[in-house]
Every structure is written in C-alpha cells, then in structure tokens.
Amino acid sequence: MNVIRIYKNNSNYLVAALADSIFIRYAGPNSRTDRFCKELLAWNKTIYTFLNEARKDLIASGIKSLE
C-alpha cells in the first residue's frame, strides 16, 4: 500500500512540474491536496478551481477561480 501511495504522490509532482496550469476540484482544509496546492503555488504554478463558498480558502491562498 505504501508503494502505491508513494507512486501516486510522485506522479502528481511529475505531472505538476510539467504542466503550465493545474485544476484542483476540491482540497479540504489542511488536507494533503491543500498542502500540495501550497507547494505548487511556491513553484509559481497557476492553479484553478471553481468559484464556490466551499473553496474560499483555496482562492484566498492564491488559487484562481473559474466562474
């Protein structure tokens, strides 16, 4: 199980490194996805999510909203 989890995690970073922009559907507060988004923002990646009340924390952190 750990091998699969590590593989999936590494592939996310690989795809993110190659991408010009990234779409995140949802990231719960303090979740792995939330931490991943913050790392990507530090890489100066453009990240998008839907404009929604549940995603206010993502947008406040610098992620752009799609209307």
Protein backbone atom coordinates (compact mmCIF):
# COMPACT_ATOMS: atom_id res chain seq x y z
CA MET A 1 0.00 0.00 0.00
CA ASN A 2 2.78 2.47 0.82
CA VAL A 3 4.45 1.75 -2.51
CA ILE A 4 1.27 2.64 -4.39
CA ARG A 5 0.76 5.77 -2.31
CA ILE A 6 4.33 6.91 -2.91
CA TYR A 7 3.98 6.23 -6.64
CA LYS A 8 0.78 8.23 -6.89
CA ASN A 9 2.31 11.08 -4.92
CA ASN A 10 5.40 11.18 -7.14
CA SER A 11 3.34 11.10 -10.31
CA ASN A 12 1.32 14.10 -9.09
CA TYR A 13 4.52 16.07 -8.65
CA LEU A 14 5.83 14.98 -12.04
CA VAL A 15 2.64 15.99 -13.84
CA ALA A 16 2.51 19.28 -11.91
CA ALA A 17 6.13 20.05 -12.80
CA LEU A 18 5.38 19.56 -16.49
CA ALA A 19 2.07 21.45 -16.50
CA ASP A 20 1.64 25.14 -17.24
CA SER A 21 -1.54 25.31 -15.18
CA ILE A 22 -3.40 22.94 -12.86
CA PHE A 23 -7.07 22.47 -11.96
CA ILE A 24 -7.96 21.40 -8.41
CA ARG A 25 -11.57 20.33 -7.96
CA TYR A 26 -11.51 20.26 -4.16
CA ALA A 27 -8.99 20.42 -1.33
CA GLY A 28 -10.15 20.21 2.25
CA PRO A 29 -8.52 22.50 4.81
CA ASN A 30 -5.14 21.11 5.93
CA SER A 31 -5.52 18.09 3.63
CA ARG A 32 -2.76 16.55 1.52
CA THR A 33 -4.24 18.24 -1.52
CA ASP A 34 -4.26 21.58 0.29
CA ARG A 35 -0.57 21.18 1.18
CA PHE A 36 0.16 20.10 -2.40
CA CYS A 37 -1.53 23.26 -3.71
CA LYS A 38 0.59 25.43 -1.42
CA GLU A 39 3.74 23.74 -2.69
CA LEU A 40 2.66 24.33 -6.28
CA LEU A 41 1.98 27.99 -5.55
CA ALA A 42 5.54 28.23 -4.22
CA TRP A 43 6.67 26.89 -7.62
CA ASN A 44 4.73 29.80 -9.21
CA LYS A 45 2.30 27.40 -10.89
CA THR A 46 -1.09 28.73 -11.99
CA ILE A 47 -3.83 26.78 -10.22
CA TYR A 48 -7.57 26.99 -10.89
CA THR A 49 -10.66 25.85 -9.02
CA PHE A 50 -14.40 26.50 -9.28
CA LEU A 51 -15.77 29.62 -7.60
CA ASN A 52 -17.74 28.30 -4.64
CA GLU A 53 -18.20 29.05 -0.94
CA ALA A 54 -16.56 25.73 -0.04
CA ARG A 55 -13.43 26.76 -1.92
CA LYS A 56 -12.95 30.22 -0.42
CA ASP A 57 -9.84 29.08 1.47
CA LEU A 58 -8.23 27.89 -1.77
CA ILE A 59 -8.97 31.16 -3.55
CA ALA A 60 -7.69 33.15 -0.57
CA SER A 61 -4.39 31.28 -0.78
CA GLY A 62 -3.80 32.48 -4.34
CA ILE A 63 -5.62 29.92 -6.48
CA LYS A 64 -7.63 31.48 -9.31
CA SER A 65 -11.35 30.86 -9.61
CA LEU A 66 -13.27 29.74 -12.68
CA GLU A 67 -16.76 31.15 -12.92
